[in-house]
């Protein structure tokens, strides 16, 4: 008699019992507060509400998850930045950006750009290049807006869009660092008043 084929009892993979985007947002907050190196796997999984097996299954290792968190953060932030920079004039656009970064949902207290540079001991060169690119996006957005202002003769042609963009990008990083050291919103708002003096007449 022919042998009966054994029936496979292999069941389809169980669906993940957590929202991946919510978990990634939670990991993003931990990375933003602690930095890449100081964020432990225990802190990450606790914030995400999952175990390590689920974390590795959904996001890969810590470095891969950091890149995904950076990508998600940058995508969300870019939407806000584009809206703020869409103000009628370049001066209003830059001032709107600075003030909304203080009061808005992605304020400098939770910004990746305040973290120390990643080292070769912590991450791969590919990840370091990726993070450097993401951290430069606000500066490049400001520069594009200022270049448009120069073309529209809104600010003098002698103005350097690149230098101004770098100045305000450094100012944003400084604000974020000040928040971590206890600066208040009113203090930062007054600093914006001073920073806008540098904007071309």
N, C-alpha and C. Protein backbone atom coordinates (compact mmCIF):
# COMPACT_ATOMS: atom_id res chain seq x y z
N UNK A 1 0.84 -1.20 0.00
CA UNK A 1 0.00 0.00 0.00
C UNK A 1 0.87 1.25 0.00
N UNK A 2 0.45 2.25 -0.76
CA UNK A 2 1.23 3.48 -0.77
C UNK A 2 1.15 4.18 0.56
N UNK A 3 2.26 4.72 0.96
CA UNK A 3 2.32 5.42 2.23
C UNK A 3 1.54 6.72 2.15
N UNK A 4 0.82 7.00 3.24
CA UNK A 4 0.08 8.25 3.30
C UNK A 4 1.05 9.41 3.53
N UNK A 5 0.79 10.46 2.81
CA UNK A 5 1.61 11.65 3.00
C UNK A 5 1.28 12.31 4.32
N UNK A 6 2.32 12.68 5.00
CA UNK A 6 2.12 13.35 6.27
C UNK A 6 1.56 14.75 6.03
N UNK A 7 0.51 15.08 6.77
CA UNK A 7 -0.08 16.40 6.64
C UNK A 7 0.78 17.43 7.36
N UNK A 8 0.97 18.54 6.71
CA UNK A 8 1.77 19.60 7.32
C UNK A 8 0.94 20.36 8.32
N UNK A 9 1.49 20.51 9.52
CA UNK A 9 0.81 21.26 10.57
C UNK A 9 1.39 22.66 10.71
N UNK A 10 2.16 23.04 9.72
CA UNK A 10 2.79 24.35 9.78
C UNK A 10 1.74 25.43 9.58
N UNK A 11 1.62 26.30 10.54
CA UNK A 11 0.61 27.37 10.47
C UNK A 11 1.25 28.63 9.93
N UNK A 12 0.44 29.45 9.30
CA UNK A 12 0.99 30.70 8.79
C UNK A 12 1.52 31.56 9.92
N UNK A 13 2.47 32.42 9.60
CA UNK A 13 3.08 33.27 10.63
C UNK A 13 2.04 34.09 11.37
N UNK A 14 2.21 34.21 12.66
CA UNK A 14 1.27 34.98 13.46
C UNK A 14 1.44 36.46 13.16
N UNK A 15 0.33 37.18 13.03
CA UNK A 15 0.46 38.62 12.79
C UNK A 15 1.05 39.31 14.00
N UNK A 16 1.81 40.34 13.75
CA UNK A 16 2.41 41.09 14.86
C UNK A 16 1.30 41.77 15.65
N UNK A 17 1.41 41.66 16.96
CA UNK A 17 0.35 42.19 17.83
C UNK A 17 0.70 43.58 18.34
N UNK A 18 1.28 44.40 17.48
CA UNK A 18 1.57 45.77 17.86
C UNK A 18 1.63 46.63 16.60
N UNK A 19 1.43 47.91 16.79
CA UNK A 19 1.48 48.84 15.68
C UNK A 19 2.94 49.23 15.44
N UNK A 20 3.47 48.88 14.28
CA UNK A 20 4.88 49.12 14.01
C UNK A 20 5.23 50.60 14.01
N UNK A 21 4.35 51.43 13.47
CA UNK A 21 4.64 52.86 13.42
C UNK A 21 4.65 53.47 14.81
N UNK A 22 3.72 53.05 15.66
CA UNK A 22 3.69 53.54 17.03
C UNK A 22 4.94 53.08 17.78
N UNK A 23 5.34 51.84 17.55
CA UNK A 23 6.54 51.32 18.19
C UNK A 23 7.78 52.08 17.72
N UNK A 24 7.82 52.39 16.43
CA UNK A 24 8.95 53.12 15.88
C UNK A 24 8.98 54.55 16.42
N UNK A 25 7.81 55.15 16.58
CA UNK A 25 7.75 56.50 17.18
C UNK A 25 8.29 56.47 18.61
N UNK A 26 7.96 55.41 19.34
CA UNK A 26 8.45 55.29 20.71
C UNK A 26 9.97 55.14 20.73
N UNK A 27 10.50 54.35 19.81
CA UNK A 27 11.95 54.18 19.70
C UNK A 27 12.61 55.50 19.31
N UNK A 28 11.96 56.25 18.45
CA UNK A 28 12.49 57.55 18.02
C UNK A 28 12.67 58.47 19.22
N UNK A 29 11.70 58.48 20.11
CA UNK A 29 11.79 59.35 21.30
C UNK A 29 12.95 58.92 22.19
N UNK A 30 13.17 57.63 22.31
CA UNK A 30 14.28 57.15 23.13
C UNK A 30 15.61 57.54 22.50
N UNK A 31 15.75 57.33 21.20
CA UNK A 31 16.99 57.71 20.51
C UNK A 31 17.23 59.21 20.61
N UNK A 32 16.16 60.01 20.48
CA UNK A 32 16.30 61.46 20.54
C UNK A 32 16.74 61.92 21.92
N UNK A 33 16.21 61.29 22.95
CA UNK A 33 16.53 61.69 24.32
C UNK A 33 17.89 61.16 24.78
N UNK A 34 18.21 59.93 24.36
CA UNK A 34 19.41 59.26 24.89
C UNK A 34 20.60 59.33 23.95
N UNK A 35 20.33 59.47 22.65
CA UNK A 35 21.40 59.31 21.69
C UNK A 35 21.52 57.84 21.31
N UNK A 36 22.15 57.58 20.18
CA UNK A 36 22.23 56.20 19.69
C UNK A 36 22.97 55.27 20.66
N UNK A 37 24.15 55.69 21.06
CA UNK A 37 25.00 54.82 21.87
C UNK A 37 24.39 54.54 23.24
N UNK A 38 23.79 55.57 23.85
CA UNK A 38 23.28 55.42 25.22
C UNK A 38 21.92 54.76 25.29
N UNK A 39 21.22 54.66 24.18
CA UNK A 39 19.90 54.01 24.19
C UNK A 39 20.09 52.50 24.25
N UNK A 40 19.73 51.91 25.37
CA UNK A 40 19.91 50.46 25.53
C UNK A 40 18.74 49.71 24.90
N UNK A 41 18.98 48.44 24.59
CA UNK A 41 17.91 47.62 24.02
C UNK A 41 16.76 47.48 25.01
N UNK A 42 17.07 47.41 26.30
CA UNK A 42 16.03 47.30 27.31
C UNK A 42 15.14 48.54 27.32
N UNK A 43 15.76 49.72 27.24
CA UNK A 43 14.99 50.97 27.21
C UNK A 43 14.14 51.05 25.95
N UNK A 44 14.70 50.60 24.84
CA UNK A 44 13.96 50.66 23.58
C UNK A 44 12.75 49.73 23.59
N UNK A 45 12.98 48.49 23.99
CA UNK A 45 11.86 47.54 23.98
C UNK A 45 10.80 47.91 25.01
N UNK A 46 11.22 48.45 26.14
CA UNK A 46 10.24 48.87 27.15
C UNK A 46 9.38 50.01 26.62
N UNK A 47 10.02 50.98 25.97
CA UNK A 47 9.26 52.11 25.42
C UNK A 47 8.33 51.65 24.30
N UNK A 48 8.79 50.68 23.51
CA UNK A 48 8.00 50.19 22.38
C UNK A 48 6.91 49.22 22.81
N UNK A 49 7.04 48.67 24.01
CA UNK A 49 6.05 47.72 24.51
C UNK A 49 6.13 46.36 23.85
N UNK A 50 7.33 45.97 23.41
CA UNK A 50 7.52 44.66 22.77
C UNK A 50 8.78 44.01 23.32
N UNK A 51 8.95 42.72 23.01
CA UNK A 51 10.17 42.04 23.44
C UNK A 51 11.23 42.12 22.35
N UNK A 52 12.42 41.65 22.66
CA UNK A 52 13.53 41.77 21.70
C UNK A 52 13.29 40.95 20.44
N UNK A 53 12.65 39.80 20.59
CA UNK A 53 12.39 38.96 19.41
C UNK A 53 11.51 39.71 18.42
N UNK A 54 10.46 40.35 18.93
CA UNK A 54 9.57 41.11 18.07
C UNK A 54 10.28 42.31 17.46
N UNK A 55 11.16 42.94 18.26
CA UNK A 55 11.89 44.09 17.77
C UNK A 55 12.80 43.70 16.60
N UNK A 56 13.57 42.62 16.78
CA UNK A 56 14.47 42.17 15.73
C UNK A 56 13.68 41.74 14.49
N UNK A 57 12.54 41.09 14.70
CA UNK A 57 11.73 40.61 13.59
C UNK A 57 11.18 41.76 12.77
N UNK A 58 10.74 42.81 13.45
CA UNK A 58 10.10 43.93 12.75
C UNK A 58 11.09 44.93 12.20
N UNK A 59 12.18 45.19 12.94
CA UNK A 59 13.05 46.30 12.58
C UNK A 59 14.50 45.92 12.31
N UNK A 60 14.88 44.69 12.54
CA UNK A 60 16.27 44.33 12.40
C UNK A 60 17.04 44.66 13.67
N UNK A 61 18.35 44.87 13.55
CA UNK A 61 19.15 45.16 14.74
C UNK A 61 18.99 46.63 15.15
N UNK A 62 19.69 47.02 16.18
CA UNK A 62 19.57 48.37 16.73
C UNK A 62 19.94 49.42 15.68
N UNK A 63 20.98 49.18 14.93
CA UNK A 63 21.42 50.15 13.93
C UNK A 63 20.38 50.32 12.83
N UNK A 64 19.81 49.21 12.38
CA UNK A 64 18.78 49.27 11.35
C UNK A 64 17.55 50.01 11.86
N UNK A 65 17.20 49.78 13.11
CA UNK A 65 16.05 50.45 13.69
C UNK A 65 16.31 51.95 13.82
N UNK A 66 17.53 52.32 14.17
CA UNK A 66 17.88 53.73 14.28
C UNK A 66 17.71 54.42 12.93
N UNK A 67 18.13 53.77 11.88
CA UNK A 67 17.99 54.35 10.54
C UNK A 67 16.51 54.52 10.19
N UNK A 68 15.71 53.53 10.52
CA UNK A 68 14.28 53.64 10.23
C UNK A 68 13.65 54.77 11.05
N UNK A 69 14.09 54.90 12.30
CA UNK A 69 13.58 55.97 13.16
C UNK A 69 13.98 57.33 12.60
N UNK A 70 15.23 57.45 12.16
CA UNK A 70 15.70 58.70 11.57
C UNK A 70 14.92 59.04 10.31
N UNK A 71 14.67 58.02 9.49
CA UNK A 71 13.91 58.23 8.25
C UNK A 71 12.50 58.72 8.55
N UNK A 72 11.84 58.09 9.51
CA UNK A 72 10.47 58.48 9.86
C UNK A 72 10.45 59.89 10.45
N UNK A 73 11.37 60.16 11.35
CA UNK A 73 11.43 61.49 11.96
C UNK A 73 11.65 62.55 10.90
N UNK A 74 12.58 62.31 10.00
CA UNK A 74 12.92 63.28 8.96
C UNK A 74 11.74 63.52 8.02
N UNK A 75 11.01 62.46 7.69
CA UNK A 75 9.86 62.58 6.80
C UNK A 75 8.78 63.45 7.43
N UNK A 76 8.50 63.20 8.70
CA UNK A 76 7.47 63.97 9.39
C UNK A 76 7.92 65.42 9.55
N UNK A 77 9.17 65.61 9.96
CA UNK A 77 9.68 66.96 10.16
C UNK A 77 9.69 67.75 8.85
N UNK A 78 10.04 67.10 7.75
CA UNK A 78 10.11 67.78 6.45
C UNK A 78 8.76 68.35 6.05
N UNK A 79 7.68 67.66 6.41
CA UNK A 79 6.35 68.16 6.08
C UNK A 79 6.06 69.46 6.82
N UNK A 80 6.43 69.51 8.08
CA UNK A 80 6.24 70.74 8.86
C UNK A 80 7.13 71.86 8.32
N UNK A 81 8.39 71.53 8.06
CA UNK A 81 9.34 72.54 7.58
C UNK A 81 8.86 73.15 6.27
N UNK A 82 8.38 72.32 5.35
CA UNK A 82 7.90 72.81 4.06
C UNK A 82 6.75 73.80 4.25
N UNK A 83 5.87 73.49 5.18
CA UNK A 83 4.75 74.39 5.45
C UNK A 83 5.19 75.72 6.03
N UNK A 84 6.14 75.68 6.96
CA UNK A 84 6.62 76.91 7.57
C UNK A 84 7.38 77.78 6.57
N UNK A 85 8.16 77.14 5.70
CA UNK A 85 8.94 77.89 4.73
C UNK A 85 8.11 78.38 3.55
N UNK A 86 6.84 78.01 3.51
CA UNK A 86 5.97 78.45 2.42
C UNK A 86 5.35 79.82 2.69
N UNK A 87 5.78 80.49 3.73
CA UNK A 87 5.27 81.84 4.06
C UNK A 87 5.52 82.78 2.88
N UNK A 88 4.74 83.86 2.78
CA UNK A 88 4.82 84.76 1.60
C UNK A 88 6.20 85.34 1.34
N UNK A 89 6.94 85.71 2.36
CA UNK A 89 8.27 86.27 2.17
C UNK A 89 9.31 85.37 2.82
N UNK A 90 10.55 85.50 2.36
CA UNK A 90 11.62 84.67 2.90
C UNK A 90 11.86 84.98 4.38
N UNK A 91 11.76 86.25 4.72
CA UNK A 91 11.96 86.63 6.13
C UNK A 91 10.90 85.98 7.01
N UNK A 92 9.63 86.06 6.57
CA UNK A 92 8.56 85.43 7.32
C UNK A 92 8.76 83.92 7.38
N UNK A 93 9.26 83.35 6.29
CA UNK A 93 9.47 81.91 6.23
C UNK A 93 10.50 81.46 7.26
N UNK A 94 11.65 82.12 7.28
CA UNK A 94 12.71 81.74 8.21
C UNK A 94 12.26 81.97 9.65
N UNK A 95 11.62 83.10 9.90
CA UNK A 95 11.17 83.37 11.27
C UNK A 95 10.10 82.38 11.70
N UNK A 96 9.20 82.02 10.79
CA UNK A 96 8.18 81.02 11.09
C UNK A 96 8.82 79.69 11.44
N UNK A 97 9.84 79.31 10.67
CA UNK A 97 10.55 78.06 10.94
C UNK A 97 11.15 78.06 12.33
N UNK A 98 11.88 79.13 12.66
CA UNK A 98 12.56 79.18 13.96
C UNK A 98 11.57 79.15 15.12
N UNK A 99 10.51 79.93 15.00
CA UNK A 99 9.56 80.00 16.11
C UNK A 99 8.74 78.73 16.25
N UNK A 100 8.39 78.12 15.13
CA UNK A 100 7.60 76.89 15.20
C UNK A 100 8.43 75.70 15.67
N UNK A 101 9.73 75.74 15.42
CA UNK A 101 10.58 74.68 15.96
C UNK A 101 10.63 74.74 17.49
N UNK A 102 10.34 75.92 18.03
CA UNK A 102 10.30 76.06 19.49
C UNK A 102 8.96 75.59 20.04
N UNK A 103 7.89 75.97 19.36
CA UNK A 103 6.55 75.71 19.90
C UNK A 103 5.84 74.53 19.26
N UNK A 104 6.31 74.10 18.09
CA UNK A 104 5.59 73.09 17.34
C UNK A 104 5.79 71.68 17.86
N UNK A 105 5.13 70.70 17.19
CA UNK A 105 5.15 69.30 17.64
C UNK A 105 6.50 68.63 17.54
N UNK A 106 7.40 69.17 16.71
CA UNK A 106 8.73 68.57 16.56
C UNK A 106 9.80 69.54 17.05
N UNK A 107 9.56 70.15 18.19
CA UNK A 107 10.48 71.13 18.73
C UNK A 107 11.86 70.57 19.01
N UNK A 108 12.83 71.44 19.25
CA UNK A 108 14.23 71.00 19.37
C UNK A 108 14.49 70.07 20.55
N UNK A 109 13.56 69.98 21.49
CA UNK A 109 13.77 69.07 22.61
C UNK A 109 13.78 67.61 22.20
N UNK A 110 13.22 67.30 21.04
CA UNK A 110 13.17 65.90 20.59
C UNK A 110 13.85 65.73 19.24
N UNK A 111 14.83 66.57 18.96
CA UNK A 111 15.42 66.59 17.62
C UNK A 111 16.69 65.73 17.54
N UNK A 112 16.78 64.95 16.50
CA UNK A 112 17.96 64.11 16.31
C UNK A 112 19.24 64.93 16.12
N UNK A 113 19.13 66.15 15.60
CA UNK A 113 20.32 66.89 15.23
C UNK A 113 21.17 67.29 16.42
N UNK A 114 20.66 67.14 17.64
CA UNK A 114 21.43 67.52 18.82
C UNK A 114 22.37 66.41 19.27
N UNK A 115 22.24 65.24 18.69
CA UNK A 115 23.03 64.11 19.17
C UNK A 115 24.48 64.20 18.71
N UNK A 116 25.38 63.60 19.49
CA UNK A 116 26.79 63.56 19.07
C UNK A 116 26.92 62.77 17.77
N UNK A 117 27.96 63.03 16.99
CA UNK A 117 28.17 62.27 15.75
C UNK A 117 28.35 60.78 16.05
N UNK A 118 27.85 59.96 15.15
CA UNK A 118 28.04 58.52 15.29
C UNK A 118 29.49 58.19 14.98
N UNK A 119 30.03 57.21 15.69
CA UNK A 119 31.43 56.84 15.50
C UNK A 119 31.54 55.52 14.74
N UNK A 120 32.74 55.27 14.24
CA UNK A 120 32.99 54.03 13.50
C UNK A 120 32.83 52.81 14.40
N UNK A 121 33.02 52.97 15.70
CA UNK A 121 32.88 51.86 16.62
C UNK A 121 31.42 51.50 16.84
N UNK A 122 30.52 52.49 16.65
CA UNK A 122 29.10 52.27 16.91
C UNK A 122 28.32 51.80 15.69
N UNK A 123 28.64 52.36 14.53
CA UNK A 123 27.83 52.13 13.34
C UNK A 123 28.69 51.99 12.10
N UNK A 124 28.06 51.55 11.02
CA UNK A 124 28.74 51.41 9.75
C UNK A 124 28.88 52.78 9.07
N UNK A 125 29.78 52.85 8.11
CA UNK A 125 29.97 54.09 7.36
C UNK A 125 28.70 54.46 6.61
N UNK A 126 27.98 53.46 6.11
CA UNK A 126 26.74 53.72 5.38
C UNK A 126 25.72 54.44 6.27
N UNK A 127 25.60 53.99 7.52
CA UNK A 127 24.66 54.63 8.44
C UNK A 127 25.11 56.04 8.78
N UNK A 128 26.41 56.24 8.95
CA UNK A 128 26.91 57.58 9.29
C UNK A 128 26.64 58.56 8.15
N UNK A 129 26.83 58.09 6.90
CA UNK A 129 26.53 58.96 5.76
C UNK A 129 25.03 59.26 5.69
N UNK A 130 24.23 58.25 5.94
CA UNK A 130 22.77 58.41 5.90
C UNK A 130 22.32 59.43 6.93
N UNK A 131 22.82 59.33 8.15
CA UNK A 131 22.43 60.24 9.22
C UNK A 131 22.90 61.66 8.91
N UNK A 132 24.12 61.80 8.40
CA UNK A 132 24.63 63.13 8.06
C UNK A 132 23.74 63.78 7.00
N UNK A 133 23.29 63.00 6.03
CA UNK A 133 22.41 63.53 4.99
C UNK A 133 21.09 64.00 5.58
N UNK A 134 20.51 63.20 6.46
CA UNK A 134 19.23 63.55 7.06
C UNK A 134 19.35 64.78 7.94
N UNK A 135 20.45 64.90 8.64
CA UNK A 135 20.64 66.05 9.52
C UNK A 135 20.84 67.35 8.74
N UNK A 136 21.20 67.25 7.47
CA UNK A 136 21.45 68.45 6.67
C UNK A 136 20.21 68.94 5.94
N UNK A 137 19.10 68.22 6.07
CA UNK A 137 17.94 68.53 5.24
C UNK A 137 17.31 69.89 5.55
N UNK A 138 17.26 70.28 6.84
CA UNK A 138 16.70 71.58 7.17
C UNK A 138 17.55 72.69 6.54
N UNK A 139 18.86 72.55 6.65
CA UNK A 139 19.74 73.56 6.07
C UNK A 139 19.52 73.69 4.57
N UNK A 140 19.39 72.57 3.88
CA UNK A 140 19.18 72.61 2.45
C UNK A 140 17.82 73.22 2.10
N UNK A 141 16.81 72.96 2.93
CA UNK A 141 15.49 73.54 2.69
C UNK A 141 15.52 75.06 2.85
N UNK A 142 16.23 75.53 3.87
CA UNK A 142 16.36 76.98 4.07
C UNK A 142 17.11 77.60 2.89
N UNK A 143 18.17 76.95 2.46
CA UNK A 143 18.97 77.49 1.35
C UNK A 143 18.13 77.62 0.08
N UNK A 144 17.32 76.62 -0.21
CA UNK A 144 16.47 76.69 -1.41
C UNK A 144 15.50 77.86 -1.32
N UNK A 145 14.94 78.08 -0.12
CA UNK A 145 14.00 79.19 0.05
C UNK A 145 14.70 80.53 -0.13
N UNK A 146 15.92 80.64 0.34
CA UNK A 146 16.67 81.89 0.21
C UNK A 146 17.13 82.11 -1.22
N UNK A 147 17.47 81.05 -1.91
CA UNK A 147 17.84 81.18 -3.33
C UNK A 147 16.66 81.72 -4.13
N UNK A 148 15.46 81.25 -3.80
CA UNK A 148 14.27 81.75 -4.47
C UNK A 148 14.07 83.23 -4.16
N UNK A 149 14.33 83.61 -2.91
CA UNK A 149 14.20 85.02 -2.51
C UNK A 149 15.18 85.91 -3.28
N UNK A 150 16.38 85.41 -3.53
CA UNK A 150 17.37 86.17 -4.30
C UNK A 150 16.91 86.30 -5.75
N UNK A 151 16.39 85.23 -6.32
CA UNK A 151 15.89 85.29 -7.70
C UNK A 151 14.72 86.27 -7.83
N UNK A 152 13.90 86.32 -6.78
CA UNK A 152 12.74 87.22 -6.78
C UNK A 152 13.11 88.64 -6.37
N UNK A 153 14.39 88.89 -6.16
CA UNK A 153 14.90 90.20 -5.74
C UNK A 153 14.28 90.66 -4.40
N UNK A 154 13.96 89.68 -3.62
CA UNK A 154 13.39 89.95 -2.29
C UNK A 154 14.50 90.32 -1.32
N UNK A 155 15.66 89.72 -1.50
CA UNK A 155 16.85 90.07 -0.72
C UNK A 155 17.98 90.34 -1.70
N UNK A 156 19.00 91.10 -1.31
CA UNK A 156 20.05 91.50 -2.26
C UNK A 156 20.76 90.32 -2.91
N UNK A 157 21.15 90.50 -4.16
CA UNK A 157 21.88 89.45 -4.88
C UNK A 157 23.24 89.17 -4.25
N UNK A 158 23.75 90.14 -3.50
CA UNK A 158 25.04 89.95 -2.84
C UNK A 158 24.92 89.02 -1.63
N UNK A 159 23.71 88.69 -1.23
CA UNK A 159 23.52 87.79 -0.09
C UNK A 159 23.92 86.37 -0.48
N UNK A 160 24.47 85.64 0.46
CA UNK A 160 24.83 84.24 0.22
C UNK A 160 23.78 83.34 0.84
N UNK A 161 23.00 82.69 0.00
CA UNK A 161 21.97 81.78 0.50
C UNK A 161 22.60 80.66 1.33
N UNK A 162 23.76 80.18 0.88
CA UNK A 162 24.43 79.09 1.59
C UNK A 162 24.90 79.50 2.97
N UNK A 163 25.51 80.69 3.06
CA UNK A 163 26.01 81.15 4.36
C UNK A 163 24.85 81.42 5.33
N UNK A 164 23.79 82.05 4.83
CA UNK A 164 22.64 82.32 5.69
C UNK A 164 21.98 81.04 6.15
N UNK A 165 21.85 80.08 5.24
CA UNK A 165 21.23 78.80 5.61
C UNK A 165 22.06 78.09 6.67
N UNK A 166 23.39 78.13 6.52
CA UNK A 166 24.26 77.51 7.51
C UNK A 166 24.12 78.21 8.87
N UNK A 167 24.04 79.52 8.85
CA UNK A 167 23.88 80.29 10.08
C UNK A 167 22.61 79.88 10.82
N UNK A 168 21.49 79.83 10.10
CA UNK A 168 20.23 79.50 10.77
C UNK A 168 20.16 78.02 11.14
N UNK A 169 20.81 77.15 10.37
CA UNK A 169 20.86 75.74 10.75
C UNK A 169 21.65 75.56 12.05
N UNK A 170 22.77 76.28 12.17
CA UNK A 170 23.55 76.23 13.40
C UNK A 170 22.76 76.82 14.57
N UNK A 171 21.98 77.86 14.30
CA UNK A 171 21.15 78.46 15.33
C UNK A 171 20.12 77.44 15.83
N UNK A 172 19.52 76.70 14.91
CA UNK A 172 18.53 75.68 15.28
C UNK A 172 19.18 74.60 16.16
N UNK A 173 20.38 74.18 15.78
CA UNK A 173 21.08 73.18 16.59
C UNK A 173 21.38 73.74 17.98
N UNK A 174 21.77 75.01 18.03
CA UNK A 174 22.04 75.64 19.32
C UNK A 174 20.80 75.72 20.18
N UNK A 175 19.65 76.03 19.58
CA UNK A 175 18.40 76.07 20.34
C UNK A 175 18.08 74.70 20.93
N UNK A 176 18.26 73.67 20.10
CA UNK A 176 17.97 72.33 20.57
C UNK A 176 18.84 71.96 21.77
N UNK A 177 20.12 72.33 21.70
CA UNK A 177 21.03 72.05 22.80
C UNK A 177 20.64 72.83 24.04
N UNK A 178 20.21 74.07 23.86
CA UNK A 178 19.80 74.89 24.99
C UNK A 178 18.56 74.30 25.69
N UNK A 179 17.66 73.74 24.91
CA UNK A 179 16.48 73.10 25.50
C UNK A 179 16.90 71.97 26.42
N UNK A 180 17.88 71.19 25.98
CA UNK A 180 18.35 70.08 26.80
C UNK A 180 18.98 70.57 28.10
N UNK A 181 19.44 71.81 28.11
CA UNK A 181 20.05 72.37 29.31
C UNK A 181 19.10 73.29 30.08
N UNK A 182 17.81 73.23 29.72
CA UNK A 182 16.81 73.92 30.52
C UNK A 182 16.33 75.26 30.03
N UNK A 183 16.68 75.67 28.83
CA UNK A 183 16.22 76.96 28.31
C UNK A 183 14.70 76.95 28.16
N UNK A 184 14.07 78.08 28.44
CA UNK A 184 12.61 78.19 28.35
C UNK A 184 12.22 78.67 26.95
N UNK A 185 10.94 78.51 26.64
CA UNK A 185 10.45 78.97 25.33
C UNK A 185 10.60 80.47 25.19
N UNK A 186 10.34 81.21 26.26
CA UNK A 186 10.45 82.67 26.17
C UNK A 186 11.90 83.09 25.92
N UNK A 187 12.85 82.40 26.51
CA UNK A 187 14.26 82.71 26.26
C UNK A 187 14.62 82.43 24.81
N UNK A 188 14.14 81.32 24.28
CA UNK A 188 14.44 80.98 22.90
C UNK A 188 13.76 81.95 21.94
N UNK A 189 12.57 82.38 22.26
CA UNK A 189 11.87 83.34 21.40
C UNK A 189 12.65 84.66 21.33
N UNK A 190 13.21 85.07 22.45
CA UNK A 190 14.01 86.31 22.44
C UNK A 190 15.28 86.11 21.62
N UNK A 191 15.82 84.90 21.67
CA UNK A 191 17.01 84.61 20.86
C UNK A 191 16.67 84.68 19.37
N UNK A 192 15.47 84.27 19.01
CA UNK A 192 15.04 84.37 17.62
C UNK A 192 14.99 85.83 17.18
N UNK A 193 14.52 86.71 18.09
CA UNK A 193 14.50 88.14 17.78
C UNK A 193 15.89 88.63 17.37
N UNK A 194 16.89 88.17 18.10
CA UNK A 194 18.26 88.58 17.82
C UNK A 194 18.73 87.95 16.49
N UNK A 195 18.42 86.67 16.30
CA UNK A 195 18.87 85.97 15.09
C UNK A 195 18.30 86.61 13.83
N UNK A 196 17.10 87.13 13.91
CA UNK A 196 16.48 87.72 12.72
C UNK A 196 17.11 89.06 12.34
N UNK A 197 17.89 89.65 13.24
CA UNK A 197 18.60 90.87 12.90
C UNK A 197 19.61 90.60 11.78
N UNK A 198 20.11 89.37 11.73
CA UNK A 198 21.09 89.00 10.71
C UNK A 198 20.47 88.81 9.33
N UNK A 199 19.14 88.77 9.26
CA UNK A 199 18.50 88.54 7.96
C UNK A 199 18.68 89.79 7.08
N UNK A 200 19.01 89.60 5.81
CA UNK A 200 19.26 90.74 4.92
C UNK A 200 18.04 91.67 4.81
N UNK A 201 18.29 92.94 4.82
CA UNK A 201 17.20 93.92 4.70
C UNK A 201 16.64 93.89 3.29
